Protein backbone atom coordinates (compact mmCIF):
# COMPACT_ATOMS: atom_id res chain seq x y z
CA MET A 1 15.49 25.44 5.08
CA LYS A 2 12.62 25.30 7.54
CA LYS A 3 13.64 23.62 10.76
CA ASN A 4 11.88 22.43 13.89
CA ILE A 5 12.60 24.58 16.95
CA ARG A 6 15.24 23.11 19.21
CA SER A 7 17.50 24.44 21.96
CA LEU A 8 20.41 26.39 20.51
CA MET A 9 23.69 26.78 22.37
CA SER A 10 24.69 29.78 20.28
CA ILE A 11 25.23 33.14 21.96
CA PHE A 12 23.84 35.31 19.17
CA ILE A 13 20.94 34.28 16.94
CA CYS A 14 18.48 35.88 14.58
CA LEU A 15 14.94 34.48 14.52
CA SER A 16 12.10 35.29 12.16
CA LEU A 17 8.73 33.80 11.22
CA LEU A 18 7.73 31.57 14.11
CA SER A 19 4.90 29.19 13.24
CA PHE A 20 2.59 27.23 15.52
CA ILE A 21 0.20 25.72 13.03
CA ILE A 22 -2.60 23.26 12.61
CA PRO A 23 -1.36 21.21 9.64
CA SER A 24 -3.76 20.39 6.83
CA ALA A 25 -4.62 16.71 6.86
CA SER A 26 -5.93 16.79 3.30
CA ALA A 27 -2.92 18.39 1.62
CA VAL A 28 -0.77 16.07 -0.47
CA ASN A 29 2.48 18.03 -0.75
CA ASN A 30 5.66 15.95 -0.27
CA ASP A 31 7.13 15.65 3.26
CA ARG A 32 4.44 17.72 4.97
CA THR A 33 1.52 15.73 3.60
CA GLU A 34 -0.09 12.36 3.18
CA ALA A 35 -0.09 10.05 0.19
CA ALA A 36 -2.60 10.61 -2.58
CA ASP A 37 -5.28 7.92 -2.55
CA ASN A 38 -6.25 8.04 -6.21
CA ILE A 39 -3.33 7.53 -8.60
CA ILE A 40 -4.62 8.04 -12.12
CA TRP A 41 -1.28 7.41 -13.84
CA SER A 42 1.98 5.74 -12.87
CA ALA A 43 4.69 5.75 -15.55
CA SER A 44 5.76 2.41 -16.95
CA GLU A 45 7.86 1.07 -19.82
CA ALA A 46 4.69 0.76 -21.91
CA ASP A 47 4.47 4.57 -21.96
CA ILE A 48 7.52 4.95 -24.23
CA THR A 49 5.20 4.57 -27.22
CA GLN A 50 3.15 7.62 -26.16
CA VAL A 51 3.25 10.73 -28.33
CA LYS A 52 2.32 14.32 -27.63
CA GLY A 53 -1.40 14.65 -26.91
CA ASP A 54 -1.99 11.03 -25.90
CA ALA A 55 -4.11 10.36 -22.83
CA LEU A 56 -2.24 8.87 -19.89
CA ASP A 57 -5.26 8.04 -17.73
CA ALA A 58 -8.30 5.89 -18.41
CA ASP A 59 -10.71 8.86 -18.51
CA GLY A 60 -8.66 11.00 -20.89
CA ASN A 61 -8.28 13.93 -18.47
CA LEU A 62 -4.48 13.70 -18.24
CA THR A 63 -2.49 14.09 -21.45
CA ILE A 64 1.21 14.00 -22.17
CA GLY A 65 2.51 17.29 -23.58
CA TRP A 66 5.56 15.95 -25.39
CA THR A 67 6.86 12.83 -27.09
CA PRO A 68 9.19 11.22 -24.53
CA ASP A 69 12.49 10.32 -26.16
CA LYS A 70 14.11 9.86 -22.75
CA HIS A 71 12.81 7.43 -20.12
CA GLY A 72 14.05 4.93 -17.64
CA SER A 73 13.77 3.02 -14.40
CA THR A 74 13.85 4.69 -11.04
CA TYR A 75 12.82 4.00 -7.46
CA ALA A 76 11.06 6.83 -5.69
CA ASN A 77 8.86 6.60 -2.62
CA ILE A 78 6.88 9.83 -2.66
CA ASN A 79 4.22 10.24 0.02
CA ASN A 80 4.22 6.46 0.55
CA THR A 81 3.58 5.80 -3.13
CA VAL A 82 6.36 4.01 -5.02
CA PHE A 83 7.18 4.95 -8.61
CA THR A 84 9.53 2.81 -10.72
CA TYR A 85 9.63 4.56 -14.12
CA TYR A 86 9.78 8.08 -15.54
CA LEU A 87 9.29 9.90 -18.85
CA SER A 88 11.42 12.86 -19.93
CA HIS A 89 13.14 14.44 -22.95
CA THR A 90 16.76 14.76 -24.02
CA SER A 91 16.69 18.40 -25.09
CA GLU A 92 13.33 20.16 -24.56
CA ASN A 93 12.88 22.29 -21.46
CA GLY A 94 9.64 23.25 -19.73
CA SER A 95 8.43 26.80 -20.36
CA TRP A 96 5.29 28.92 -20.67
CA SER A 97 3.90 30.13 -23.98
CA SER A 98 1.87 33.34 -23.97
CA SER A 99 0.48 32.53 -27.42
CA GLU A 100 -0.49 28.96 -26.52
CA LYS A 101 -1.67 30.08 -23.06
CA GLY A 102 -0.11 27.00 -21.58
CA ALA A 103 3.14 25.21 -20.87
CA LEU A 104 5.52 23.89 -23.52
CA GLY A 105 8.13 21.14 -23.39
CA PRO A 106 7.87 18.16 -21.05
CA ARG A 107 4.63 18.69 -19.14
CA LEU A 108 1.45 17.07 -17.92
CA LYS A 109 -1.83 18.67 -18.96
CA PHE A 110 -4.80 17.99 -16.73
CA THR A 111 -8.40 18.98 -17.44
CA ALA A 112 -10.34 18.74 -14.20
CA PRO A 113 -13.53 16.67 -14.62
CA GLU A 114 -14.82 18.09 -11.32
CA ASP A 115 -13.56 20.03 -8.32
CA GLY A 116 -10.86 18.23 -6.38
CA VAL A 117 -7.13 17.94 -5.74
CA PHE A 118 -4.65 17.26 -8.54
CA THR A 119 -1.17 15.92 -7.77
CA ALA A 120 1.83 15.57 -10.09
CA TYR A 121 4.97 13.59 -9.25
CA VAL A 122 8.52 14.15 -10.55
CA VAL A 123 11.96 12.61 -10.09
CA ASN A 124 15.48 13.81 -10.94
CA LEU A 125 14.55 17.36 -9.92
CA ASN A 126 17.61 19.62 -10.01
CA THR A 127 18.31 21.54 -6.81
CA VAL A 128 18.07 24.91 -8.57
CA LYS A 129 15.17 24.16 -10.92
CA THR A 130 11.54 24.96 -10.06
CA PHE A 131 8.69 22.52 -10.46
CA TYR A 132 5.34 24.26 -10.98
CA ILE A 133 1.67 23.50 -11.27
CA ALA A 134 -0.06 26.39 -13.01
CA GLU A 135 -3.54 27.14 -14.26
CA GLY A 136 -3.72 27.54 -18.02
CA GLY A 137 -5.78 29.78 -20.24
CA GLY A 138 -3.81 33.02 -19.88
CA SER A 139 -0.81 34.65 -21.50
CA SER A 140 0.95 34.36 -18.14
CA PRO A 141 0.80 31.31 -15.85
CA ILE A 142 -1.22 31.42 -12.66
CA TYR A 143 1.13 29.55 -10.36
CA LEU A 144 -0.75 27.48 -7.79
CA ASP A 145 2.22 25.78 -6.14
CA GLN A 146 5.94 25.36 -6.70
CA THR A 147 9.06 23.79 -5.23
CA THR A 148 12.72 23.19 -6.04
CA GLY A 149 14.94 20.15 -5.68
CA GLU A 150 16.76 21.93 -2.87
CA GLU A 151 13.50 22.40 -0.96
CA SER A 152 11.83 19.05 -1.57
CA GLY A 153 14.51 16.63 -2.79
CA TRP A 154 15.09 14.94 -6.12
CA ALA A 155 11.75 13.10 -5.98
CA CYS A 156 8.69 15.06 -4.90
CA SER A 157 5.13 16.07 -5.66
CA LEU A 158 2.90 19.12 -5.84
CA SER A 159 -0.81 19.19 -5.12
CA VAL A 160 -3.33 21.92 -5.89
CA ASN A 161 -7.04 22.56 -5.69
CA VAL A 162 -8.62 22.39 -9.14
CA GLU A 163 -11.99 23.46 -10.52
CA ALA A 164 -14.18 21.53 -12.92
CA GLY A 165 -13.50 22.31 -16.58
CA LYS A 166 -10.28 24.25 -16.03
CA VAL A 167 -6.91 23.21 -17.48
CA TYR A 168 -3.74 22.83 -15.41
CA TYR A 169 -0.10 22.22 -16.33
CA ALA A 170 2.70 20.57 -14.37
CA TYR A 171 6.20 21.38 -15.65
CA VAL A 172 9.76 22.08 -14.58
CA LYS A 173 10.76 25.54 -15.79
CA GLY A 174 14.01 25.58 -17.74
CA SER A 175 14.56 21.85 -17.33
CA LYS A 176 13.62 18.58 -18.99
CA GLY A 177 11.31 17.38 -16.26
CA SER A 178 11.06 13.70 -15.39
CA PHE A 179 7.43 12.78 -14.67
CA CYS A 180 6.53 9.54 -12.94
CA GLY A 181 2.87 9.84 -11.97
CA ALA A 182 -0.27 11.82 -11.26
CA ALA A 183 -3.27 11.59 -8.95
CA PHE A 184 -6.71 13.13 -8.70
CA GLU A 185 -8.94 13.14 -5.63
CA PRO A 186 -12.44 14.35 -6.60
CA GLY A 187 -14.36 16.28 -4.02
CA GLU A 188 -11.31 16.88 -1.83
CA LYS A 189 -9.84 20.29 -1.01
CA ILE A 190 -6.54 21.41 0.44
CA VAL A 191 -7.12 23.60 3.47
CA PRO A 192 -4.12 25.85 4.23
CA PRO A 193 -2.55 25.46 7.68
CA VAL A 194 -3.59 28.00 10.32
CA ASN A 195 -0.83 29.87 12.15
CA LEU A 196 -1.87 30.57 15.74
CA ILE A 197 1.09 32.79 16.61
CA ASN A 198 0.37 36.52 16.72
CA ASN A 199 2.99 38.86 15.22
CA ASN A 200 4.72 35.70 13.97
CA GLY A 201 7.01 37.58 11.56
CA PHE A 202 7.65 40.53 13.92
CA GLU A 203 6.15 42.80 11.24
CA ASP A 204 4.38 44.84 13.93
CA GLY A 205 7.81 46.27 14.70
CA VAL A 206 7.61 45.22 18.36
CA LEU A 207 8.57 42.08 20.25
CA GLU A 208 5.21 41.53 21.98
CA PRO A 209 3.59 39.08 22.51
CA PHE A 210 7.00 37.34 22.52
CA GLU A 211 8.95 37.68 25.75
CA ASN A 212 12.58 37.84 26.79
CA ARG A 213 13.77 34.97 28.97
CA SER A 214 17.05 35.85 30.64
CA ALA A 215 18.67 37.15 27.46
CA SER A 216 18.64 40.28 25.31
CA CYS A 217 15.80 40.24 22.75
CA SER A 218 14.82 43.00 20.35
CA VAL A 219 13.22 43.57 16.96
CA SER A 220 15.77 44.16 14.18
CA ASP A 221 15.71 44.98 10.47
CA ILE A 222 19.00 43.16 9.85
CA ALA A 223 18.67 40.08 7.61
CA PRO A 224 14.99 39.17 8.10
CA HIS A 225 13.86 35.97 6.42
CA SER A 226 11.03 37.89 4.75
CA GLY A 227 9.28 41.20 5.28
CA SER A 228 11.07 43.98 7.14
CA TYR A 229 11.81 42.62 10.60
CA CYS A 230 13.10 39.74 12.66
CA ALA A 231 13.95 39.14 16.33
CA LEU A 232 17.57 39.51 17.39
CA VAL A 233 18.59 37.45 20.44
CA SER A 234 21.94 37.83 22.19
CA GLY A 235 23.53 37.37 25.59
CA ARG A 236 22.44 33.75 25.97
CA THR A 237 24.33 31.85 28.66
CA GLN A 238 22.21 28.69 28.92
CA ASP A 239 20.30 26.58 26.37
CA TRP A 240 16.98 27.59 28.01
CA THR A 241 17.58 31.34 27.71
CA GLY A 242 16.35 33.40 24.78
CA ILE A 243 13.04 34.40 23.27
CA GLN A 244 9.79 32.71 24.33
CA TYR A 245 6.08 32.63 23.49
CA ASP A 246 3.38 31.30 25.80
CA ILE A 247 1.26 28.80 23.88
CA THR A 248 -0.56 27.27 26.83
CA SER A 249 -3.64 29.42 26.19
CA LEU A 250 -3.89 28.43 22.52
CA THR A 251 -5.16 24.92 23.03
CA PRO A 252 -5.46 22.43 25.88
CA ASP A 253 -4.35 19.62 23.59
CA LEU A 254 -1.03 20.08 21.77
CA SER A 255 -1.25 16.84 19.80
CA GLY A 256 -1.42 17.26 16.03
CA PHE A 257 0.32 20.63 16.00
CA GLU A 258 3.61 21.62 14.39
CA VAL A 259 6.04 24.18 15.80
CA SER A 260 8.70 25.58 13.47
CA ALA A 261 10.79 28.68 12.96
CA TRP A 262 13.35 30.30 10.68
CA ILE A 263 16.57 30.67 12.67
CA LYS A 264 20.10 31.62 11.68
CA LEU A 265 23.32 32.61 13.41
CA ALA A 266 24.17 36.27 13.15
CA ASP A 267 26.82 37.12 10.54
CA THR A 268 26.17 33.92 8.60
CA ALA A 269 24.38 33.28 5.34
CA PRO A 270 20.68 32.35 5.57
CA ASP A 271 20.00 28.60 5.82
């Protein structure tokens, strides 16, 4: 789990992938984003009469990919938008069909009328199941974004940039999928966050430009979060000792920035 940096009283820690980023204000992705402004479909009890291929939105760009024989009430506040109903299936699971060049099972199919940002909302997401939005048209899916229930919680959303005329699928692989809504923001675009930290994953194989502050700091290849390296910090005697990075030269105004890191205790399982 990604955690905000805080003082750690531990004596021996392993740190990898430090981020000092400018968050994207236009992204719409669960807890790190804002609410979508243009909901094109919010599930309701009236939708239980829908069958596979029916349009869910007024313009006919969003279609339901299955006949929902399972549905019910819920209460989910996702990105400050409240959803009170969901559509699902009792036995069909989401999957990708190479012959159909698209998703099968419970899924939302969206044909982009113009460039913009498409968002799909789900509830009842299992901790070990993956919710995808993928571009269609190929024997293999082109995954644009994904998350699990463990990462984002039981109720969450995904948002992706879409191009006019292309087809996109939202589905939960290997699971029924409980869909509660969708949004489309024409003309918008998600801009990825910018990481201002140099050598942020220690993949240069050296500690610099990080510095040691009254502890023992070195680059290690033991249990990195990703890549080949991480920073190993030991010999800490106070909560202010450890590894440090001078960010004062990055910007005179630190408002609107996010600082985060992957940190774990040595000899423990990754968190």
